[in-house]
Amino acid sequence: MAPFAFNPSGFDWLKTVYDFDDFMSWIWYRGGIFAKPEQSWEVWWYEEQAHLRTTGLWGRLMEIVLDLRFFFFQYGIVYQLKIASGSHSIAVYLLSWICVFAAVGVFVVMAYARDRYAAKEHIYYRAVQAFIIILIVLVIIVLLKFTDFHIIDIFTSLLAFIPTGWGLISIAQVIRPFIESTVVWDTVVAVARQGFSSTRPLAEDSKYPALLLARNLMRFEVGSHFLHYSR
């Protein structure tokens, strides 16, 4: 988010709007044979994985072992959730994976609906979105009613599941030669792209003059204190 939070040119509102539009174009442009990393997120992402093409078996195994570290965040945080009721059973950690697979399932359904209906049968796409939202709300209501689930658990679980998602993506990059021709790899690329574009709400805020002014005032205040203490 540096281009939107710390860029000195951010004092220019129109410049910020153009930067945001360029950022979203970079994210969603799939590129082509002659596309450059600065033109397409997907081309840049593939170049970041270039070292794996020449990595041997033992190197790939070590990459997977190193990627397992992301799962420790989930293991440590899920026991802090209110819904866990203070339990330290391994079953809590195993059940937390249901949420991971459910999130992936929702994403796959939404991506399928977008590709099939968004262009020509937009009403069906909106119907799928509404159904998923209603289903999620109903699940939350049931959990609030019959378990120790609290709303704060949603935000706490993000601290656990975001690293887990990144770990799964990193492992998928290592085994890419085995899954590249399957729908699994398409899902991995789509999830990774969505992860990068999830910064859009923060970037979107930078387009509004009031929020831009507040951000600039805060940045100016922090800079003033820094200069004061640096003297």
C-alpha atoms as a PDB file:
ATOM      1  CA  MET A   1       0.000   0.000   0.000  1.00  0.00           C
ATOM      2  CA  ALA A   2       3.049   2.284  -0.134  1.00  0.00           C
ATOM      3  CA  PRO A   3       1.915   3.980  -3.380  1.00  0.00           C
ATOM      4  CA  PHE A   4      -1.227   5.160  -1.597  1.00  0.00           C
ATOM      5  CA  ALA A   5      -0.076   5.686   1.989  1.00  0.00           C
ATOM      6  CA  PHE A   6       3.458   7.074   1.724  1.00  0.00           C
ATOM      7  CA  ASN A   7       3.849   8.390  -1.817  1.00  0.00           C
ATOM      8  CA  PRO A   8       4.711  12.141  -1.660  1.00  0.00           C
ATOM      9  CA  SER A   9       2.729  12.578  -4.866  1.00  0.00           C
ATOM     10  CA  GLY A  10      -0.293  11.487  -2.885  1.00  0.00           C
ATOM     11  CA  PHE A  11      -0.869  15.124  -2.014  1.00  0.00           C
ATOM     12  CA  ASP A  12      -2.146  15.407  -5.582  1.00  0.00           C
ATOM     13  CA  TRP A  13      -5.644  13.881  -5.548  1.00  0.00           C
ATOM     14  CA  LEU A  14      -5.796  13.349  -9.324  1.00  0.00           C
ATOM     15  CA  LYS A  15      -2.369  11.693  -9.253  1.00  0.00           C
ATOM     16  CA  THR A  16      -3.650   9.283  -6.610  1.00  0.00           C
ATOM     17  CA  VAL A  17      -6.662   8.384  -8.750  1.00  0.00           C
ATOM     18  CA  TYR A  18      -4.415   7.643 -11.719  1.00  0.00           C
ATOM     19  CA  ASP A  19      -2.093   5.543  -9.550  1.00  0.00           C
ATOM     20  CA  PHE A  20      -5.048   3.543  -8.273  1.00  0.00           C
ATOM     21  CA  ASP A  21      -6.355   2.908 -11.790  1.00  0.00           C
ATOM     22  CA  ASP A  22      -2.883   1.822 -12.934  1.00  0.00           C
ATOM     23  CA  PHE A  23      -2.597  -0.483  -9.930  1.00  0.00           C
ATOM     24  CA  MET A  24      -5.914  -2.227 -10.692  1.00  0.00           C
ATOM     25  CA  SER A  25      -5.029  -2.515 -14.388  1.00  0.00           C
ATOM     26  CA  TRP A  26      -1.712  -4.117 -13.422  1.00  0.00           C
ATOM     27  CA  ILE A  27      -3.496  -6.587 -11.140  1.00  0.00           C
ATOM     28  CA  TRP A  28      -6.129  -7.748 -13.620  1.00  0.00           C
ATOM     29  CA  TYR A  29      -4.209  -7.644 -16.908  1.00  0.00           C
ATOM     30  CA  ARG A  30      -3.259 -11.247 -17.696  1.00  0.00           C
ATOM     31  CA  GLY A  31      -0.534 -10.255 -20.088  1.00  0.00           C
ATOM     32  CA  GLY A  32       0.728 -12.124 -23.118  1.00  0.00           C
ATOM     33  CA  ILE A  33       3.867 -13.489 -24.694  1.00  0.00           C
ATOM     34  CA  PHE A  34       5.599 -10.112 -24.841  1.00  0.00           C
ATOM     35  CA  ALA A  35       4.096  -8.600 -21.673  1.00  0.00           C
ATOM     36  CA  LYS A  36       6.509  -7.191 -19.099  1.00  0.00           C
ATOM     37  CA  PRO A  37       6.310  -7.533 -15.293  1.00  0.00           C
ATOM     38  CA  GLU A  38       5.518  -3.830 -14.926  1.00  0.00           C
ATOM     39  CA  GLN A  39       2.492  -4.324 -17.186  1.00  0.00           C
ATOM     40  CA  SER A  40       0.919  -7.404 -15.625  1.00  0.00           C
ATOM     41  CA  TRP A  41       0.761  -8.813 -12.120  1.00  0.00           C
ATOM     42  CA  GLU A  42       0.555 -12.359 -13.489  1.00  0.00           C
ATOM     43  CA  VAL A  43       3.763 -11.955 -15.518  1.00  0.00           C
ATOM     44  CA  TRP A  44       5.506 -10.460 -12.467  1.00  0.00           C
ATOM     45  CA  TRP A  45       4.253 -13.319 -10.269  1.00  0.00           C
ATOM     46  CA  TYR A  46       5.563 -15.953 -12.664  1.00  0.00           C
ATOM     47  CA  GLU A  47       8.957 -14.242 -12.788  1.00  0.00           C
ATOM     48  CA  GLU A  48       9.111 -14.340  -8.978  1.00  0.00           C
ATOM     49  CA  GLN A  49       8.842 -18.128  -9.244  1.00  0.00           C
ATOM     50  CA  ALA A  50      11.523 -18.425 -11.940  1.00  0.00           C
ATOM     51  CA  HIS A  51      14.099 -19.848  -9.518  1.00  0.00           C
ATOM     52  CA  LEU A  52      11.898 -22.903  -8.941  1.00  0.00           C
ATOM     53  CA  ARG A  53      12.357 -23.999 -12.552  1.00  0.00           C
ATOM     54  CA  THR A  54      15.968 -24.973 -11.888  1.00  0.00           C
ATOM     55  CA  THR A  55      15.450 -26.210  -8.328  1.00  0.00           C
ATOM     56  CA  GLY A  56      16.026 -29.932  -7.783  1.00  0.00           C
ATOM     57  CA  LEU A  57      14.025 -32.390  -5.715  1.00  0.00           C
ATOM     58  CA  TRP A  58      15.794 -31.667  -2.421  1.00  0.00           C
ATOM     59  CA  GLY A  59      15.496 -27.952  -3.013  1.00  0.00           C
ATOM     60  CA  ARG A  60      11.755 -28.272  -3.558  1.00  0.00           C
ATOM     61  CA  LEU A  61      11.401 -30.374  -0.415  1.00  0.00           C
ATOM     62  CA  MET A  62      13.230 -27.711   1.586  1.00  0.00           C
ATOM     63  CA  GLU A  63      10.962 -25.038   0.099  1.00  0.00           C
ATOM     64  CA  ILE A  64       7.909 -26.994   1.277  1.00  0.00           C
ATOM     65  CA  VAL A  65       9.401 -27.461   4.755  1.00  0.00           C
ATOM     66  CA  LEU A  66      10.059 -23.721   4.995  1.00  0.00           C
ATOM     67  CA  ASP A  67       6.521 -22.944   3.816  1.00  0.00           C
ATOM     68  CA  LEU A  68       5.103 -25.033   6.665  1.00  0.00           C
ATOM     69  CA  ARG A  69       6.045 -22.208   9.028  1.00  0.00           C
ATOM     70  CA  PHE A  70       2.969 -20.277   7.885  1.00  0.00           C
ATOM     71  CA  PHE A  71       0.725 -22.921   9.436  1.00  0.00           C
ATOM     72  CA  PHE A  72       2.083 -22.239  12.923  1.00  0.00           C
ATOM     73  CA  PHE A  73       0.177 -18.948  12.960  1.00  0.00           C
ATOM     74  CA  GLN A  74      -3.077 -20.837  12.532  1.00  0.00           C
ATOM     75  CA  TYR A  75      -2.115 -23.387  15.178  1.00  0.00           C
ATOM     76  CA  GLY A  76      -1.366 -20.693  17.738  1.00  0.00           C
ATOM     77  CA  ILE A  77      -4.280 -18.364  17.022  1.00  0.00           C
ATOM     78  CA  VAL A  78      -7.226 -20.770  16.718  1.00  0.00           C
ATOM     79  CA  TYR A  79      -6.899 -21.659  20.388  1.00  0.00           C
ATOM     80  CA  GLN A  80      -7.385 -17.991  21.255  1.00  0.00           C
ATOM     81  CA  LEU A  81     -10.810 -17.880  19.601  1.00  0.00           C
ATOM     82  CA  LYS A  82     -13.819 -17.585  21.881  1.00  0.00           C
ATOM     83  CA  ILE A  83     -15.507 -20.457  20.070  1.00  0.00           C
ATOM     84  CA  ALA A  84     -12.700 -22.765  21.211  1.00  0.00           C
ATOM     85  CA  SER A  85     -13.933 -22.275  24.812  1.00  0.00           C
ATOM     86  CA  GLY A  86     -10.414 -22.588  26.180  1.00  0.00           C
ATOM     87  CA  SER A  87      -9.946 -26.079  24.760  1.00  0.00           C
ATOM     88  CA  HIS A  88      -6.420 -27.164  23.825  1.00  0.00           C
ATOM     89  CA  SER A  89      -7.460 -30.294  21.964  1.00  0.00           C
ATOM     90  CA  ILE A  90      -5.878 -31.003  18.583  1.00  0.00           C
ATOM     91  CA  ALA A  91      -9.441 -31.323  17.293  1.00  0.00           C
ATOM     92  CA  VAL A  92      -9.763 -27.526  17.465  1.00  0.00           C
ATOM     93  CA  TYR A  93      -6.890 -27.114  15.042  1.00  0.00           C
ATOM     94  CA  LEU A  94      -8.188 -29.845  12.727  1.00  0.00           C
ATOM     95  CA  LEU A  95     -11.685 -28.355  12.705  1.00  0.00           C
ATOM     96  CA  SER A  96     -10.251 -24.961  11.848  1.00  0.00           C
ATOM     97  CA  TRP A  97      -9.259 -26.407   8.480  1.00  0.00           C
ATOM     98  CA  ILE A  98     -12.957 -26.719   7.700  1.00  0.00           C
ATOM     99  CA  CYS A  99     -13.047 -22.916   7.567  1.00  0.00           C
ATOM    100  CA  VAL A 100     -10.071 -22.893   5.198  1.00  0.00           C
ATOM    101  CA  PHE A 101     -11.674 -25.351   2.787  1.00  0.00           C
ATOM    102  CA  ALA A 102     -15.037 -23.593   3.100  1.00  0.00           C
ATOM    103  CA  ALA A 103     -13.420 -20.268   2.175  1.00  0.00           C
ATOM    104  CA  VAL A 104     -11.740 -21.867  -0.855  1.00  0.00           C
ATOM    105  CA  GLY A 105     -15.061 -23.450  -1.837  1.00  0.00           C
ATOM    106  CA  VAL A 106     -16.861 -20.100  -1.655  1.00  0.00           C
ATOM    107  CA  PHE A 107     -14.147 -18.493  -3.744  1.00  0.00           C
ATOM    108  CA  VAL A 108     -14.350 -21.223  -6.407  1.00  0.00           C
ATOM    109  CA  VAL A 109     -18.143 -20.918  -6.618  1.00  0.00           C
ATOM    110  CA  MET A 110     -17.934 -17.126  -6.912  1.00  0.00           C
ATOM    111  CA  ALA A 111     -15.217 -17.347  -9.577  1.00  0.00           C
ATOM    112  CA  TYR A 112     -17.231 -19.901 -11.551  1.00  0.00           C
ATOM    113  CA  ALA A 113     -20.376 -17.769 -11.344  1.00  0.00           C
ATOM    114  CA  ARG A 114     -18.449 -14.664 -12.399  1.00  0.00           C
ATOM    115  CA  ASP A 115     -16.901 -16.346 -15.434  1.00  0.00           C
ATOM    116  CA  ARG A 116     -20.172 -17.951 -16.522  1.00  0.00           C
ATOM    117  CA  TYR A 117     -22.810 -15.339 -15.744  1.00  0.00           C
ATOM    118  CA  ALA A 118     -21.215 -11.941 -15.054  1.00  0.00           C
ATOM    119  CA  ALA A 119     -20.921 -10.907 -18.708  1.00  0.00           C
ATOM    120  CA  LYS A 120     -24.284 -11.869 -20.234  1.00  0.00           C
ATOM    121  CA  GLU A 121     -26.539 -13.121 -17.421  1.00  0.00           C
ATOM    122  CA  HIS A 122     -25.643 -10.683 -14.691  1.00  0.00           C
ATOM    123  CA  ILE A 123     -28.811 -11.367 -12.688  1.00  0.00           C
ATOM    124  CA  TYR A 124     -27.734 -14.972 -12.079  1.00  0.00           C
ATOM    125  CA  TYR A 125     -24.352 -13.808 -10.868  1.00  0.00           C
ATOM    126  CA  ARG A 126     -26.008 -11.431  -8.408  1.00  0.00           C
ATOM    127  CA  ALA A 127     -28.316 -14.257  -7.288  1.00  0.00           C
ATOM    128  CA  VAL A 128     -25.305 -16.472  -6.505  1.00  0.00           C
ATOM    129  CA  GLN A 129     -23.698 -13.615  -4.578  1.00  0.00           C
ATOM    130  CA  ALA A 130     -26.890 -13.021  -2.591  1.00  0.00           C
ATOM    131  CA  PHE A 131     -27.251 -16.734  -1.816  1.00  0.00           C
ATOM    132  CA  ILE A 132     -23.686 -16.999  -0.506  1.00  0.00           C
ATOM    133  CA  ILE A 133     -24.047 -13.850   1.613  1.00  0.00           C
ATOM    134  CA  ILE A 134     -27.326 -15.095   3.116  1.00  0.00           C
ATOM    135  CA  LEU A 135     -25.763 -18.503   3.792  1.00  0.00           C
ATOM    136  CA  ILE A 136     -22.766 -16.925   5.556  1.00  0.00           C
ATOM    137  CA  VAL A 137     -25.055 -14.729   7.670  1.00  0.00           C
ATOM    138  CA  LEU A 138     -27.172 -17.752   8.651  1.00  0.00           C
ATOM    139  CA  VAL A 139     -24.053 -19.714   9.643  1.00  0.00           C
ATOM    140  CA  ILE A 140     -22.878 -16.813  11.810  1.00  0.00           C
ATOM    141  CA  ILE A 141     -26.300 -16.547  13.479  1.00  0.00           C
ATOM    142  CA  VAL A 142     -26.331 -20.280  14.223  1.00  0.00           C
ATOM    143  CA  LEU A 143     -22.816 -20.118  15.680  1.00  0.00           C
ATOM    144  CA  LEU A 144     -23.755 -17.121  17.851  1.00  0.00           C
ATOM    145  CA  LYS A 145     -26.842 -18.923  19.098  1.00  0.00           C
ATOM    146  CA  PHE A 146     -25.506 -22.387  19.843  1.00  0.00           C
ATOM    147  CA  THR A 147     -21.772 -21.917  20.478  1.00  0.00           C
ATOM    148  CA  ASP A 148     -19.400 -19.532  22.255  1.00  0.00           C
ATOM    149  CA  PHE A 149     -18.674 -17.811  18.954  1.00  0.00           C
ATOM    150  CA  HIS A 150     -18.152 -14.026  19.117  1.00  0.00           C
ATOM    151  CA  ILE A 151     -18.002 -11.549  16.241  1.00  0.00           C
ATOM    152  CA  ILE A 152     -14.424 -10.721  17.215  1.00  0.00           C
ATOM    153  CA  ASP A 153     -13.542 -14.306  16.247  1.00  0.00           C
ATOM    154  CA  ILE A 154     -14.009 -13.343  12.597  1.00  0.00           C
ATOM    155  CA  PHE A 155     -11.249 -10.747  12.759  1.00  0.00           C
ATOM    156  CA  THR A 156      -9.015 -12.899  14.952  1.00  0.00           C
ATOM    157  CA  SER A 157      -9.308 -15.828  12.573  1.00  0.00           C
ATOM    158  CA  LEU A 158      -8.081 -13.650   9.704  1.00  0.00           C
ATOM    159  CA  LEU A 159      -4.726 -13.438  11.491  1.00  0.00           C
ATOM    160  CA  ALA A 160      -4.615 -17.231  11.324  1.00  0.00           C
ATOM    161  CA  PHE A 161      -6.060 -18.008   7.913  1.00  0.00           C
ATOM    162  CA  ILE A 162      -4.286 -15.357   5.833  1.00  0.00           C
ATOM    163  CA  PRO A 163      -0.816 -16.856   6.589  1.00  0.00           C
ATOM    164  CA  THR A 164      -2.285 -20.317   6.009  1.00  0.00           C
ATOM    165  CA  GLY A 165      -3.544 -19.252   2.607  1.00  0.00           C
ATOM    166  CA  TRP A 166      -0.163 -17.825   1.712  1.00  0.00           C
ATOM    167  CA  GLY A 167       1.495 -21.058   2.847  1.00  0.00           C
ATOM    168  CA  LEU A 168      -0.785 -23.134   0.622  1.00  0.00           C
ATOM    169  CA  ILE A 169      -0.088 -20.854  -2.337  1.00  0.00           C
ATOM    170  CA  SER A 170       3.665 -21.090  -1.701  1.00  0.00           C
ATOM    171  CA  ILE A 171       3.498 -24.895  -1.625  1.00  0.00           C
ATOM    172  CA  ALA A 172       1.423 -24.872  -4.815  1.00  0.00           C
ATOM    173  CA  GLN A 173       4.178 -22.833  -6.483  1.00  0.00           C
ATOM    174  CA  VAL A 174       6.718 -25.535  -5.592  1.00  0.00           C
ATOM    175  CA  ILE A 175       4.594 -28.360  -7.044  1.00  0.00           C
ATOM    176  CA  ARG A 176       3.474 -26.268 -10.011  1.00  0.00           C
ATOM    177  CA  PRO A 177       4.811 -28.735 -12.660  1.00  0.00           C
ATOM    178  CA  PHE A 178       2.402 -31.386 -11.342  1.00  0.00           C
ATOM    179  CA  ILE A 179      -0.740 -29.227 -11.128  1.00  0.00           C
ATOM    180  CA  GLU A 180      -0.228 -26.574 -13.809  1.00  0.00           C
ATOM    181  CA  SER A 181      -2.422 -28.404 -16.333  1.00  0.00           C
ATOM    182  CA  THR A 182      -5.287 -28.823 -13.850  1.00  0.00           C
ATOM    183  CA  VAL A 183      -7.999 -26.552 -12.524  1.00  0.00           C
ATOM    184  CA  VAL A 184      -6.142 -26.503  -9.204  1.00  0.00           C
ATOM    185  CA  TRP A 185      -3.443 -24.216 -10.592  1.00  0.00           C
ATOM    186  CA  ASP A 186      -6.042 -21.872 -12.095  1.00  0.00           C
ATOM    187  CA  THR A 187      -7.600 -21.638  -8.633  1.00  0.00           C
ATOM    188  CA  VAL A 188      -4.210 -20.943  -7.043  1.00  0.00           C
ATOM    189  CA  VAL A 189      -3.512 -18.093  -9.491  1.00  0.00           C
ATOM    190  CA  ALA A 190      -6.991 -16.650  -8.966  1.00  0.00           C
ATOM    191  CA  VAL A 191      -6.674 -16.782  -5.166  1.00  0.00           C
ATOM    192  CA  ALA A 192      -3.209 -15.187  -5.287  1.00  0.00           C
ATOM    193  CA  ARG A 193      -4.489 -12.399  -7.540  1.00  0.00           C
ATOM    194  CA  GLN A 194      -7.453 -11.833  -5.251  1.00  0.00           C
ATOM    195  CA  GLY A 195      -5.096 -11.650  -2.299  1.00  0.00           C
ATOM    196  CA  PHE A 196      -3.154  -8.844  -3.950  1.00  0.00           C
ATOM    197  CA  SER A 197      -6.307  -7.047  -5.068  1.00  0.00           C
ATOM    198  CA  SER A 198      -7.708  -7.278  -1.520  1.00  0.00           C
ATOM    199  CA  THR A 199      -5.760  -4.084  -0.866  1.00  0.00           C
ATOM    200  CA  ARG A 200      -8.338  -2.371  -3.090  1.00  0.00           C
ATOM    201  CA  PRO A 201     -10.549  -1.077  -0.215  1.00  0.00           C
ATOM    202  CA  LEU A 202      -7.563   0.729   1.301  1.00  0.00           C
ATOM    203  CA  ALA A 203      -6.513   2.045  -2.061  1.00  0.00           C
ATOM    204  CA  GLU A 204     -10.087   3.052  -2.858  1.00  0.00           C
ATOM    205  CA  ASP A 205     -10.176   5.206   0.273  1.00  0.00           C
ATOM    206  CA  SER A 206      -7.292   7.233  -1.067  1.00  0.00           C
ATOM    207  CA  LYS A 207      -9.493   8.442  -3.926  1.00  0.00           C
ATOM    208  CA  TYR A 208     -11.814  10.434  -1.679  1.00  0.00           C
ATOM    209  CA  PRO A 209     -10.688  13.995  -0.879  1.00  0.00           C
ATOM    210  CA  ALA A 210     -11.799  13.929   2.781  1.00  0.00           C
ATOM    211  CA  LEU A 211      -9.955  10.715   3.572  1.00  0.00           C
ATOM    212  CA  LEU A 212      -7.001  11.861   1.502  1.00  0.00           C
ATOM    213  CA  LEU A 213      -6.825  15.084   3.500  1.00  0.00           C
ATOM    214  CA  ALA A 214      -6.978  13.187   6.806  1.00  0.00           C
ATOM    215  CA  ARG A 215      -4.209  10.854   5.663  1.00  0.00           C
ATOM    216  CA  ASN A 216      -2.016  13.729   4.528  1.00  0.00           C
ATOM    217  CA  LEU A 217      -2.537  15.618   7.797  1.00  0.00           C
ATOM    218  CA  MET A 218      -1.558  12.524   9.772  1.00  0.00           C
ATOM    219  CA  ARG A 219       1.483  11.974   7.566  1.00  0.00           C
ATOM    220  CA  PHE A 220       2.492  15.633   7.930  1.00  0.00           C
ATOM    221  CA  GLU A 221       2.122  15.415  11.711  1.00  0.00           C
ATOM    222  CA  VAL A 222       4.257  12.255  11.892  1.00  0.00           C
ATOM    223  CA  GLY A 223       6.874  13.847   9.637  1.00  0.00           C
ATOM    224  CA  SER A 224       6.965  16.979  11.792  1.00  0.00           C
ATOM    225  CA  HIS A 225       7.583  14.950  14.955  1.00  0.00           C
ATOM    226  CA  PHE A 226      10.278  12.948  13.172  1.00  0.00           C
ATOM    227  CA  LEU A 227      12.098  16.114  12.083  1.00  0.00           C
ATOM    228  CA  HIS A 228      11.748  17.568  15.573  1.00  0.00           C
ATOM    229  CA  TYR A 229      13.338  14.554  17.266  1.00  0.00           C
ATOM    230  CA  SER A 230      15.990  14.143  14.567  1.00  0.00           C
ATOM    231  CA  ARG A 231      17.358  17.579  15.489  1.00  0.00           C
END
